[in-house]
Amino acid sequence: MMRQCLSGIDIYYIFNSYNCEDISQNNYEDVWRRSLTQKLESTLNSHPTAIDIDIKCQTYNLFLTVEWANNESVRKSLHIREGTKGKWYRCDTTDFEHDISSSFEFHLNLSTKGYRSLIYSGDHDAVVPLISTQAWIRALNYSIVEDWRSWLLEDQVAGYTRTYSNQMTFATVKGSGHTPADYKPDECYAMFERWIANKPL
């Protein structure tokens, strides 16, 4: 039932006007060839997302990264000796015997030892919605030090934040999806810069 309700919605960023999951691997490859092949040589010194593309799906961007990293011209520019490295895959887990199913115990252990933490969520993400992150935080059973307030960037609300005991800060990033820095880089940079300097958001 839930999948039916979410069909047609990009679960990584619910305000996209198209469903990225409807774009097949073949479509990615077609778009890659049409929009990037002619431009690749001139953009070797640029981040791959700097190339003009029409598709803004995160899944496409991941495909773009893999194609870029495996391109022979790019590998040559990065001085990767031929034959020393095989094809690059994002999130290649072939060297791992198992995945960690939860970071809960690790976080609890580190935070009770005095390590500060910043937990953040995009507020337009249906993959890991902020209410799920809040449930995870409630399970830690930390007391609230400072309750909800907005945090600002250039006198505009950039999200909302709450601080907890054990030096934990939770923040939302307004208008962002599953990977907030992709959608709101200025806001995420400001958030991280303030947090790393031990300043309030």
C-alpha atoms as a PDB file:
ATOM      1  CA  MET A   1       0.000   0.000   0.000  1.00  0.00           C
ATOM      2  CA  MET A   2       2.746   2.447   0.940  1.00  0.00           C
ATOM      3  CA  ARG A   3       4.608   1.753  -2.320  1.00  0.00           C
ATOM      4  CA  GLN A   4       1.430   2.460  -4.248  1.00  0.00           C
ATOM      5  CA  CYS A   5       1.014   5.791  -2.475  1.00  0.00           C
ATOM      6  CA  LEU A   6       4.620   6.737  -3.222  1.00  0.00           C
ATOM      7  CA  SER A   7       4.636   5.594  -6.850  1.00  0.00           C
ATOM      8  CA  GLY A   8       5.338   8.528  -9.120  1.00  0.00           C
ATOM      9  CA  ILE A   9       7.210  10.373  -6.336  1.00  0.00           C
ATOM     10  CA  ASP A  10      10.979  10.694  -6.182  1.00  0.00           C
ATOM     11  CA  ILE A  11      11.539   9.304  -2.692  1.00  0.00           C
ATOM     12  CA  TYR A  12      14.971  10.963  -2.467  1.00  0.00           C
ATOM     13  CA  TYR A  13      13.457  14.428  -2.972  1.00  0.00           C
ATOM     14  CA  ILE A  14       9.679  14.465  -2.873  1.00  0.00           C
ATOM     15  CA  PHE A  15       9.307  17.778  -4.734  1.00  0.00           C
ATOM     16  CA  ASN A  16      10.963  16.555  -7.930  1.00  0.00           C
ATOM     17  CA  SER A  17       8.502  16.819 -10.791  1.00  0.00           C
ATOM     18  CA  TYR A  18       9.424  13.326 -12.025  1.00  0.00           C
ATOM     19  CA  ASN A  19      10.114   9.949 -10.509  1.00  0.00           C
ATOM     20  CA  CYS A  20      13.797   9.167 -10.871  1.00  0.00           C
ATOM     21  CA  GLU A  21      13.183   5.450 -10.375  1.00  0.00           C
ATOM     22  CA  ASP A  22      11.258   5.419 -13.656  1.00  0.00           C
ATOM     23  CA  ILE A  23      14.450   6.257 -15.549  1.00  0.00           C
ATOM     24  CA  SER A  24      16.074   2.986 -16.593  1.00  0.00           C
ATOM     25  CA  GLN A  25      19.786   2.159 -16.738  1.00  0.00           C
ATOM     26  CA  ASN A  26      19.549   2.344 -20.533  1.00  0.00           C
ATOM     27  CA  ASN A  27      18.180   5.878 -20.301  1.00  0.00           C
ATOM     28  CA  TYR A  28      21.111   6.862 -18.083  1.00  0.00           C
ATOM     29  CA  GLU A  29      23.521   5.564 -20.675  1.00  0.00           C
ATOM     30  CA  ASP A  30      21.711   7.382 -23.499  1.00  0.00           C
ATOM     31  CA  VAL A  31      21.730  10.658 -21.569  1.00  0.00           C
ATOM     32  CA  TRP A  32      25.378  10.127 -20.643  1.00  0.00           C
ATOM     33  CA  ARG A  33      26.414   9.668 -24.248  1.00  0.00           C
ATOM     34  CA  ARG A  34      24.330  12.560 -25.603  1.00  0.00           C
ATOM     35  CA  SER A  35      25.097  15.162 -22.959  1.00  0.00           C
ATOM     36  CA  LEU A  36      28.598  14.339 -21.784  1.00  0.00           C
ATOM     37  CA  THR A  37      30.718  12.565 -24.350  1.00  0.00           C
ATOM     38  CA  GLN A  38      31.461  15.697 -26.376  1.00  0.00           C
ATOM     39  CA  LYS A  39      32.241  17.740 -23.250  1.00  0.00           C
ATOM     40  CA  LEU A  40      34.328  15.318 -21.217  1.00  0.00           C
ATOM     41  CA  GLU A  41      37.777  16.272 -22.512  1.00  0.00           C
ATOM     42  CA  SER A  42      37.217  19.931 -21.663  1.00  0.00           C
ATOM     43  CA  THR A  43      35.951  19.196 -18.164  1.00  0.00           C
ATOM     44  CA  LEU A  44      38.593  16.846 -16.785  1.00  0.00           C
ATOM     45  CA  ASN A  45      39.616  19.442 -14.219  1.00  0.00           C
ATOM     46  CA  SER A  46      36.032  20.072 -13.134  1.00  0.00           C
ATOM     47  CA  HIS A  47      33.807  18.234 -10.705  1.00  0.00           C
ATOM     48  CA  PRO A  48      31.565  15.960 -12.806  1.00  0.00           C
ATOM     49  CA  THR A  49      28.371  17.686 -11.669  1.00  0.00           C
ATOM     50  CA  ALA A  50      29.643  20.966 -13.159  1.00  0.00           C
ATOM     51  CA  ILE A  51      28.669  19.655 -16.599  1.00  0.00           C
ATOM     52  CA  ASP A  52      25.317  20.908 -17.861  1.00  0.00           C
ATOM     53  CA  ILE A  53      22.736  18.156 -17.545  1.00  0.00           C
ATOM     54  CA  ASP A  54      18.970  18.222 -17.498  1.00  0.00           C
ATOM     55  CA  ILE A  55      18.403  15.258 -15.195  1.00  0.00           C
ATOM     56  CA  LYS A  56      18.717  16.115 -11.507  1.00  0.00           C
ATOM     57  CA  CYS A  57      18.064  12.645 -10.098  1.00  0.00           C
ATOM     58  CA  GLN A  58      20.573  11.592  -7.466  1.00  0.00           C
ATOM     59  CA  THR A  59      20.635   8.117  -9.025  1.00  0.00           C
ATOM     60  CA  TYR A  60      21.725   9.672 -12.321  1.00  0.00           C
ATOM     61  CA  ASN A  61      24.415  11.672 -10.558  1.00  0.00           C
ATOM     62  CA  LEU A  62      25.758   8.440  -9.056  1.00  0.00           C
ATOM     63  CA  PHE A  63      25.822   6.867 -12.491  1.00  0.00           C
ATOM     64  CA  LEU A  64      27.583   9.960 -13.819  1.00  0.00           C
ATOM     65  CA  THR A  65      30.269   9.651 -11.141  1.00  0.00           C
ATOM     66  CA  VAL A  66      30.914   6.004 -11.982  1.00  0.00           C
ATOM     67  CA  GLU A  67      31.136   6.746 -15.707  1.00  0.00           C
ATOM     68  CA  TRP A  68      33.427   9.713 -15.086  1.00  0.00           C
ATOM     69  CA  ALA A  69      35.750   7.764 -12.766  1.00  0.00           C
ATOM     70  CA  ASN A  70      36.031   4.878 -15.240  1.00  0.00           C
ATOM     71  CA  ASN A  71      36.664   7.055 -18.296  1.00  0.00           C
ATOM     72  CA  GLU A  72      40.131   6.361 -19.725  1.00  0.00           C
ATOM     73  CA  SER A  73      40.930  10.072 -20.159  1.00  0.00           C
ATOM     74  CA  VAL A  74      40.037  10.772 -16.536  1.00  0.00           C
ATOM     75  CA  ARG A  75      42.065   7.820 -15.279  1.00  0.00           C
ATOM     76  CA  LYS A  76      45.035   9.007 -17.337  1.00  0.00           C
ATOM     77  CA  SER A  77      44.690  12.549 -15.946  1.00  0.00           C
ATOM     78  CA  LEU A  78      44.638  11.114 -12.425  1.00  0.00           C
ATOM     79  CA  HIS A  79      47.846   9.168 -13.222  1.00  0.00           C
ATOM     80  CA  ILE A  80      46.279   5.781 -12.596  1.00  0.00           C
ATOM     81  CA  ARG A  81      48.664   3.330 -14.204  1.00  0.00           C
ATOM     82  CA  GLU A  82      46.950   1.081 -16.706  1.00  0.00           C
ATOM     83  CA  GLY A  83      46.218  -2.347 -15.289  1.00  0.00           C
ATOM     84  CA  THR A  84      46.755  -1.379 -11.632  1.00  0.00           C
ATOM     85  CA  LYS A  85      43.104  -0.709 -10.824  1.00  0.00           C
ATOM     86  CA  GLY A  86      40.038  -2.452 -12.172  1.00  0.00           C
ATOM     87  CA  LYS A  87      36.718  -0.801 -12.873  1.00  0.00           C
ATOM     88  CA  TRP A  88      35.605   1.541 -10.096  1.00  0.00           C
ATOM     89  CA  TYR A  89      32.196   0.914  -8.526  1.00  0.00           C
ATOM     90  CA  ARG A  90      30.441   3.153  -6.077  1.00  0.00           C
ATOM     91  CA  CYS A  91      29.763   1.433  -2.740  1.00  0.00           C
ATOM     92  CA  ASP A  92      31.666  -1.677  -3.770  1.00  0.00           C
ATOM     93  CA  THR A  93      31.257  -4.012  -0.794  1.00  0.00           C
ATOM     94  CA  THR A  94      32.994  -7.081  -2.192  1.00  0.00           C
ATOM     95  CA  ASP A  95      35.756  -6.832   0.448  1.00  0.00           C
ATOM     96  CA  PHE A  96      33.288  -6.871   3.346  1.00  0.00           C
ATOM     97  CA  GLU A  97      31.866  -9.945   5.029  1.00  0.00           C
ATOM     98  CA  HIS A  98      28.824  -8.130   6.435  1.00  0.00           C
ATOM     99  CA  ASP A  99      27.273  -4.698   6.820  1.00  0.00           C
ATOM    100  CA  ILE A 100      26.616  -2.945  10.090  1.00  0.00           C
ATOM    101  CA  SER A 101      22.843  -2.936  10.394  1.00  0.00           C
ATOM    102  CA  SER A 102      22.726  -0.125  12.957  1.00  0.00           C
ATOM    103  CA  SER A 103      25.056   2.622  14.191  1.00  0.00           C
ATOM    104  CA  PHE A 104      23.031   3.046  17.377  1.00  0.00           C
ATOM    105  CA  GLU A 105      25.419   1.274  19.782  1.00  0.00           C
ATOM    106  CA  PHE A 106      28.465   2.973  18.248  1.00  0.00           C
ATOM    107  CA  HIS A 107      26.881   6.401  18.573  1.00  0.00           C
ATOM    108  CA  LEU A 108      25.789   5.724  22.140  1.00  0.00           C
ATOM    109  CA  ASN A 109      29.261   4.542  23.102  1.00  0.00           C
ATOM    110  CA  LEU A 110      31.076   7.513  21.531  1.00  0.00           C
ATOM    111  CA  SER A 111      28.652  10.168  22.758  1.00  0.00           C
ATOM    112  CA  THR A 112      28.795   8.988  26.372  1.00  0.00           C
ATOM    113  CA  LYS A 113      32.595   9.339  26.151  1.00  0.00           C
ATOM    114  CA  GLY A 114      32.176  13.048  25.403  1.00  0.00           C
ATOM    115  CA  TYR A 115      32.437  13.160  21.613  1.00  0.00           C
ATOM    116  CA  ARG A 116      30.258  15.822  20.021  1.00  0.00           C
ATOM    117  CA  SER A 117      27.879  14.849  17.217  1.00  0.00           C
ATOM    118  CA  LEU A 118      25.857  16.565  14.529  1.00  0.00           C
ATOM    119  CA  ILE A 119      22.867  14.657  13.181  1.00  0.00           C
ATOM    120  CA  TYR A 120      20.974  16.250  10.285  1.00  0.00           C
ATOM    121  CA  SER A 121      18.154  15.457   7.896  1.00  0.00           C
ATOM    122  CA  GLY A 122      16.717  16.924   4.747  1.00  0.00           C
ATOM    123  CA  ASP A 123      13.055  17.711   5.296  1.00  0.00           C
ATOM    124  CA  HIS A 124      11.962  16.486   1.826  1.00  0.00           C
ATOM    125  CA  ASP A 125      13.473  13.000   2.040  1.00  0.00           C
ATOM    126  CA  ALA A 126      11.149   9.987   2.026  1.00  0.00           C
ATOM    127  CA  VAL A 127      13.999   7.431   2.137  1.00  0.00           C
ATOM    128  CA  VAL A 128      15.083   8.396   5.668  1.00  0.00           C
ATOM    129  CA  PRO A 129      12.419  10.917   6.719  1.00  0.00           C
ATOM    130  CA  LEU A 130      13.298  13.308   9.512  1.00  0.00           C
ATOM    131  CA  ILE A 131      10.615  11.741  11.700  1.00  0.00           C
ATOM    132  CA  SER A 132      12.579   8.462  11.486  1.00  0.00           C
ATOM    133  CA  THR A 133      15.727  10.294  12.548  1.00  0.00           C
ATOM    134  CA  GLN A 134      13.794  11.837  15.427  1.00  0.00           C
ATOM    135  CA  ALA A 135      12.606   8.373  16.494  1.00  0.00           C
ATOM    136  CA  TRP A 136      16.231   7.177  16.434  1.00  0.00           C
ATOM    137  CA  ILE A 137      17.217  10.147  18.615  1.00  0.00           C
ATOM    138  CA  ARG A 138      14.349   9.493  21.061  1.00  0.00           C
ATOM    139  CA  ALA A 139      15.656   5.930  21.471  1.00  0.00           C
ATOM    140  CA  LEU A 140      18.957   7.381  22.757  1.00  0.00           C
ATOM    141  CA  ASN A 141      16.942   8.835  25.655  1.00  0.00           C
ATOM    142  CA  TYR A 142      19.009  12.020  25.848  1.00  0.00           C
ATOM    143  CA  SER A 143      17.511  14.995  27.600  1.00  0.00           C
ATOM    144  CA  ILE A 144      16.770  18.140  25.585  1.00  0.00           C
ATOM    145  CA  VAL A 145      19.169  20.995  26.367  1.00  0.00           C
ATOM    146  CA  GLU A 146      17.710  23.566  23.946  1.00  0.00           C
ATOM    147  CA  ASP A 147      14.334  22.975  22.307  1.00  0.00           C
ATOM    148  CA  TRP A 148      13.374  23.620  18.692  1.00  0.00           C
ATOM    149  CA  ARG A 149      14.380  26.883  17.120  1.00  0.00           C
ATOM    150  CA  SER A 150      15.093  27.985  13.575  1.00  0.00           C
ATOM    151  CA  TRP A 151      18.635  28.405  12.354  1.00  0.00           C
ATOM    152  CA  LEU A 152      19.381  31.064   9.769  1.00  0.00           C
ATOM    153  CA  LEU A 153      21.568  31.768   6.779  1.00  0.00           C
ATOM    154  CA  GLU A 154      21.552  35.329   5.430  1.00  0.00           C
ATOM    155  CA  ASP A 155      18.507  36.167   7.565  1.00  0.00           C
ATOM    156  CA  GLN A 156      16.499  33.307   6.034  1.00  0.00           C
ATOM    157  CA  VAL A 157      15.356  30.153   7.809  1.00  0.00           C
ATOM    158  CA  ALA A 158      17.703  27.371   6.699  1.00  0.00           C
ATOM    159  CA  GLY A 159      16.159  24.724   8.937  1.00  0.00           C
ATOM    160  CA  TYR A 160      15.365  23.906  12.540  1.00  0.00           C
ATOM    161  CA  THR A 161      17.587  22.627  15.319  1.00  0.00           C
ATOM    162  CA  ARG A 162      17.462  21.118  18.765  1.00  0.00           C
ATOM    163  CA  THR A 163      20.362  20.285  21.109  1.00  0.00           C
ATOM    164  CA  TYR A 164      20.562  17.340  23.468  1.00  0.00           C
ATOM    165  CA  SER A 165      22.703  16.172  26.343  1.00  0.00           C
ATOM    166  CA  ASN A 166      25.940  14.362  25.477  1.00  0.00           C
ATOM    167  CA  GLN A 167      26.764  17.257  23.136  1.00  0.00           C
ATOM    168  CA  MET A 168      24.467  16.128  20.349  1.00  0.00           C
ATOM    169  CA  THR A 169      22.944  18.580  17.871  1.00  0.00           C
ATOM    170  CA  PHE A 170      20.112  17.677  15.526  1.00  0.00           C
ATOM    171  CA  ALA A 171      19.302  19.939  12.577  1.00  0.00           C
ATOM    172  CA  THR A 172      16.953  19.877   9.632  1.00  0.00           C
ATOM    173  CA  VAL A 173      17.963  21.397   6.323  1.00  0.00           C
ATOM    174  CA  LYS A 174      14.947  23.145   4.843  1.00  0.00           C
ATOM    175  CA  GLY A 175      14.082  22.228   1.277  1.00  0.00           C
ATOM    176  CA  SER A 176      16.654  19.462   0.901  1.00  0.00           C
ATOM    177  CA  GLY A 177      16.375  15.797   0.038  1.00  0.00           C
ATOM    178  CA  HIS A 178      18.182  12.588   0.991  1.00  0.00           C
ATOM    179  CA  THR A 179      21.689  14.047   0.642  1.00  0.00           C
ATOM    180  CA  PRO A 180      21.219  17.617   1.896  1.00  0.00           C
ATOM    181  CA  ALA A 181      24.553  19.009   0.662  1.00  0.00           C
ATOM    182  CA  ASP A 182      23.545  18.182  -2.924  1.00  0.00           C
ATOM    183  CA  TYR A 183      20.368  20.231  -2.634  1.00  0.00           C
ATOM    184  CA  LYS A 184      21.428  22.993  -0.231  1.00  0.00           C
ATOM    185  CA  PRO A 185      25.243  23.294  -0.334  1.00  0.00           C
ATOM    186  CA  ASP A 186      25.433  26.805   1.134  1.00  0.00           C
ATOM    187  CA  GLU A 187      23.192  25.904   4.046  1.00  0.00           C
ATOM    188  CA  CYS A 188      25.064  22.655   4.729  1.00  0.00           C
ATOM    189  CA  TYR A 189      28.416  24.402   4.577  1.00  0.00           C
ATOM    190  CA  ALA A 190      27.223  27.036   7.078  1.00  0.00           C
ATOM    191  CA  MET A 191      25.746  24.362   9.333  1.00  0.00           C
ATOM    192  CA  PHE A 192      28.946  22.307   9.375  1.00  0.00           C
ATOM    193  CA  GLU A 193      31.237  25.337   9.690  1.00  0.00           C
ATOM    194  CA  ARG A 194      29.352  26.566  12.759  1.00  0.00           C
ATOM    195  CA  TRP A 195      29.193  23.123  14.327  1.00  0.00           C
ATOM    196  CA  ILE A 196      32.894  22.320  13.784  1.00  0.00           C
ATOM    197  CA  ALA A 197      33.791  25.694  15.333  1.00  0.00           C
ATOM    198  CA  ASN A 198      31.595  24.803  18.330  1.00  0.00           C
ATOM    199  CA  LYS A 199      29.251  27.729  17.631  1.00  0.00           C
ATOM    200  CA  PRO A 200      25.472  27.517  17.803  1.00  0.00           C
ATOM    201  CA  LEU A 201      23.760  26.982  14.453  1.00  0.00           C
END
